Protein backbone atom coordinates (compact mmCIF):
# COMPACT_ATOMS: atom_id res chain seq x y z
CA MET A 1 0.00 0.00 0.00
CA GLY A 2 1.43 3.43 -0.97
CA GLN A 3 1.91 6.46 1.20
CA ILE A 4 -0.78 9.11 1.34
CA LEU A 5 0.83 12.32 0.12
CA ASP A 6 -0.19 15.71 1.48
CA PHE A 7 -0.51 17.37 -1.93
CA GLU A 8 -2.69 20.11 -0.44
CA ALA A 9 0.16 21.25 1.85
CA LEU A 10 2.55 21.43 -1.09
CA LYS A 11 0.02 23.29 -3.24
CA GLN A 12 -0.60 25.81 -0.45
CA GLY A 13 3.14 26.17 0.08
CA LEU A 14 3.61 27.01 -3.60
CA ILE A 15 0.77 29.52 -3.50
CA ASP A 16 2.25 31.14 -0.39
CA LEU A 17 5.69 31.43 -2.00
CA VAL A 18 4.29 32.89 -5.22
CA GLN A 19 2.31 35.38 -3.15
CA GLU A 20 5.42 36.30 -1.12
CA SER A 21 7.37 36.81 -4.34
CA GLN A 22 4.62 39.00 -5.78
CA ILE A 23 4.60 41.14 -2.64
CA LYS A 24 8.38 41.58 -2.79
CA VAL A 25 8.90 42.24 -6.49
CA GLY A 26 5.42 42.91 -7.83
CA TYR A 27 3.18 40.85 -10.04
CA THR A 28 4.32 39.93 -13.52
CA LYS A 29 2.54 37.55 -15.81
CA ASN A 30 5.49 35.17 -15.95
CA SER A 31 6.16 31.67 -14.74
CA VAL A 32 7.76 31.33 -11.29
CA GLY A 33 10.42 28.76 -10.43
CA LEU A 34 10.60 27.65 -6.80
CA TYR A 35 13.42 25.50 -5.48
CA TYR A 36 12.98 22.82 -2.83
CA PRO A 37 15.54 20.45 -1.36
CA LEU A 38 14.33 16.87 -1.07
CA ASP A 39 14.04 17.14 2.74
CA SER A 40 11.65 20.10 2.49
CA LEU A 41 9.46 18.30 -0.01
CA ASN A 42 9.36 15.27 2.28
CA HIS A 43 8.34 17.54 5.17
CA LEU A 44 5.58 19.16 3.13
CA LEU A 45 4.24 15.88 1.78
CA GLY A 46 4.63 13.99 5.05
CA THR A 47 6.87 11.35 3.45
CA GLU A 48 10.38 9.92 3.58
CA GLN A 49 11.03 9.38 -0.12
CA THR A 50 14.22 9.08 -2.11
CA ALA A 51 14.86 11.62 -4.86
CA SER A 52 13.66 9.15 -7.52
CA GLU A 53 10.50 8.34 -5.58
CA MET A 54 9.87 12.07 -5.07
CA GLU A 55 10.25 12.71 -8.77
CA ALA A 56 7.48 10.19 -9.45
CA SER A 57 5.28 11.67 -6.70
CA LEU A 58 5.74 15.15 -8.11
CA GLU A 59 4.45 13.96 -11.48
CA GLN A 60 1.23 13.04 -9.66
CA PHE A 61 1.28 16.39 -7.87
CA CYS A 62 1.48 18.28 -11.16
CA ALA A 63 -1.79 16.66 -12.27
CA TYR A 64 -3.34 17.40 -8.86
CA ALA A 65 -2.33 21.08 -8.88
CA LYS A 66 -3.28 21.77 -12.50
CA ASP A 67 -6.54 23.21 -11.27
CA PRO A 68 -5.99 25.97 -10.14
CA LEU A 69 -2.26 26.48 -10.87
CA GLY A 70 -2.23 25.52 -14.53
CA LYS A 71 0.79 23.66 -15.79
CA VAL A 72 3.37 22.90 -13.11
CA THR A 73 6.66 21.41 -14.27
CA VAL A 74 9.40 19.76 -12.26
CA THR A 75 13.11 19.55 -12.90
CA ARG A 76 15.66 17.94 -10.65
CA ASP A 77 19.36 18.37 -9.99
CA ASP A 78 20.28 15.50 -7.65
CA ALA A 79 18.25 16.22 -4.47
CA LEU A 80 17.22 19.77 -5.45
CA PHE A 81 13.90 20.17 -7.22
CA CYS A 82 12.58 23.15 -9.15
CA LEU A 83 8.81 23.40 -9.39
CA THR A 84 7.84 25.92 -12.03
CA ILE A 85 4.41 27.49 -11.79
CA SER A 86 3.06 28.63 -15.15
CA ALA A 87 2.18 32.24 -15.90
CA GLU A 88 -1.44 31.08 -15.65
CA GLY A 89 -0.75 29.88 -12.09
CA ALA A 90 0.96 33.14 -11.14
CA ALA A 91 -2.08 35.01 -12.48
CA TYR A 92 -4.39 32.73 -10.46
CA VAL A 93 -2.51 33.56 -7.24
CA HIS A 94 -2.58 37.28 -8.02
CA ASP A 95 -6.24 37.38 -8.99
CA ASN A 96 -7.79 34.89 -6.57
CA CYS A 97 -5.77 34.46 -3.38
CA GLY A 98 -6.44 37.85 -1.85
CA ASP A 99 -4.01 40.19 -0.20
CA ASN A 100 -1.92 38.80 2.64
CA ALA A 101 -2.04 41.99 4.70
CA PHE A 102 0.24 40.67 7.45
CA LEU A 103 2.95 39.50 5.07
CA ARG A 104 2.72 42.73 3.09
CA ALA A 105 3.12 44.84 6.28
CA PHE A 106 5.95 42.61 7.53
CA ILE A 107 7.91 42.79 4.25
CA GLU A 108 7.39 46.54 4.08
CA ARG A 109 8.64 47.02 7.65
CA ILE A 110 11.61 44.69 7.39
CA GLY A 111 12.73 46.59 4.29
CA THR A 112 13.02 49.90 6.13
CA HIS A 113 16.09 51.22 7.96
CA PRO A 114 16.49 51.25 10.85
CA CYS A 115 14.53 48.14 11.69
CA GLY A 116 14.68 46.47 15.06
CA LEU A 117 12.99 43.58 16.79
CA GLU A 118 10.32 45.74 18.44
CA ASP A 119 9.43 47.23 15.05
CA LEU A 120 8.83 43.75 13.66
CA LEU A 121 7.00 42.51 16.73
CA ALA A 122 4.67 45.49 16.44
CA VAL A 123 3.66 44.24 12.99
CA PHE A 124 3.05 40.72 14.33
CA ARG A 125 1.02 42.08 17.24
CA GLN A 126 -1.10 44.15 14.87
CA TYR A 127 -2.45 40.87 13.49
CA SER A 128 -2.60 38.67 16.59
CA GLY A 129 -2.42 38.62 20.35
CA HIS A 130 -0.74 35.21 20.21
CA VAL A 131 2.78 36.12 19.11
CA VAL A 132 5.73 34.03 20.27
CA CYS A 133 9.26 35.44 20.14
CA GLU A 134 12.24 33.34 21.14
CA LYS A 135 15.94 34.13 21.10
CA ILE A 136 17.83 31.69 18.86
CA ASP A 137 21.39 30.80 19.75
CA ASN A 138 23.01 30.09 16.40
CA GLU A 139 25.10 31.88 13.77
CA GLU A 140 22.35 32.30 11.19
CA PHE A 141 19.46 33.94 13.04
CA ASP A 142 18.82 35.91 16.22
CA TYR A 143 15.09 35.35 16.79
CA LEU A 144 12.25 33.03 16.01
CA VAL A 145 8.84 34.69 15.77
CA TYR A 146 5.52 33.03 14.98
CA PHE A 147 1.81 33.02 15.74
CA ALA A 148 1.08 30.44 18.47
CA ASP A 149 -2.39 29.72 17.10
CA GLY A 150 -1.29 29.65 13.44
CA GLN A 151 -3.31 32.77 12.57
CA PRO A 152 -2.85 34.63 10.27
CA ASP A 153 -0.21 32.06 9.20
CA SER A 154 1.65 29.08 10.57
CA TYR A 155 5.14 29.90 9.31
CA ARG A 156 8.20 30.24 11.53
CA TYR A 157 9.97 33.56 10.89
CA CYS A 158 13.69 33.44 11.61
CA ILE A 159 15.08 36.94 11.90
CA ARG A 160 18.63 38.28 11.85
CA LEU A 161 19.32 41.84 13.04
CA GLU A 162 22.50 43.62 12.08
CA MET A 163 23.41 47.31 12.18
CA GLY A 164 19.83 48.55 11.88
CA HIS A 165 18.92 46.10 9.13
CA ALA A 166 16.83 42.97 9.41
CA ILE A 167 16.62 39.91 7.21
CA TYR A 168 14.28 36.98 7.50
CA HIS A 169 13.58 33.53 6.26
CA ARG A 170 10.29 31.80 6.84
CA PHE A 171 9.98 28.07 7.26
CA THR A 172 7.13 25.66 7.66
CA GLU A 173 6.96 24.32 11.19
CA ARG A 174 8.14 20.90 9.99
CA ASP A 175 11.18 22.39 8.22
CA TYR A 176 12.02 24.58 11.18
CA ASN A 177 11.86 21.65 13.58
CA ALA A 178 13.97 19.48 11.25
CA PHE A 179 16.73 22.11 11.16
CA GLY A 180 17.06 21.84 14.91
CA PHE A 181 17.86 25.49 15.56
C-alpha cells in the first residue's frame, strides 16, 4: 500500500511562495520557479522518499495542482527540485488568493532602515495577540517569531538583526523543527 501524500500542503506552500514573491517584487505575468531540497518536499508531503521516488510523486502532484495552478513542471538536480508554476498559475494567485495583509506589512517594515525587533514585533502584534518570540542561539538567526495559534499564518519567521537592518527567512513548522535550531 502506498503512502498518502499531502498534496494540499505542497500546493498551499507554492501559492504562499508565489504570493510572497509577488509582494516583494510585484506581479508579472510570468512563470515562477521555486526550489525545494528533497528534505523540504518530504516535510511538506509527510513522506520519507528518495529523490527518484519524489520525482514520481511530483508527477502526480502536477496533475493534482493543474486546477488551479495551470501547468506545473518539475526539474531535478540531484536532491534539489525546481517546481515551475506557469504564468497562468501566477495570475491565479494574483487574482484569486487575496491580499496577505500581514505579510505585506511585515515585508514593508523589514525593508526599512532602521529596523529592530520591536518594530517587527509590532507588525506581528497588529495581526494577533498570540505572538511568540524566542531568542535563537546560532550563527544564522537571532530570533524566532511566529503566531502560536497559526493565525494569520503558521510559518516560523527566523530573523537576523545587524546594524539597523533585518533579514528573515520563513519556514514551515516541519522544516524549522527538522533544522534543529
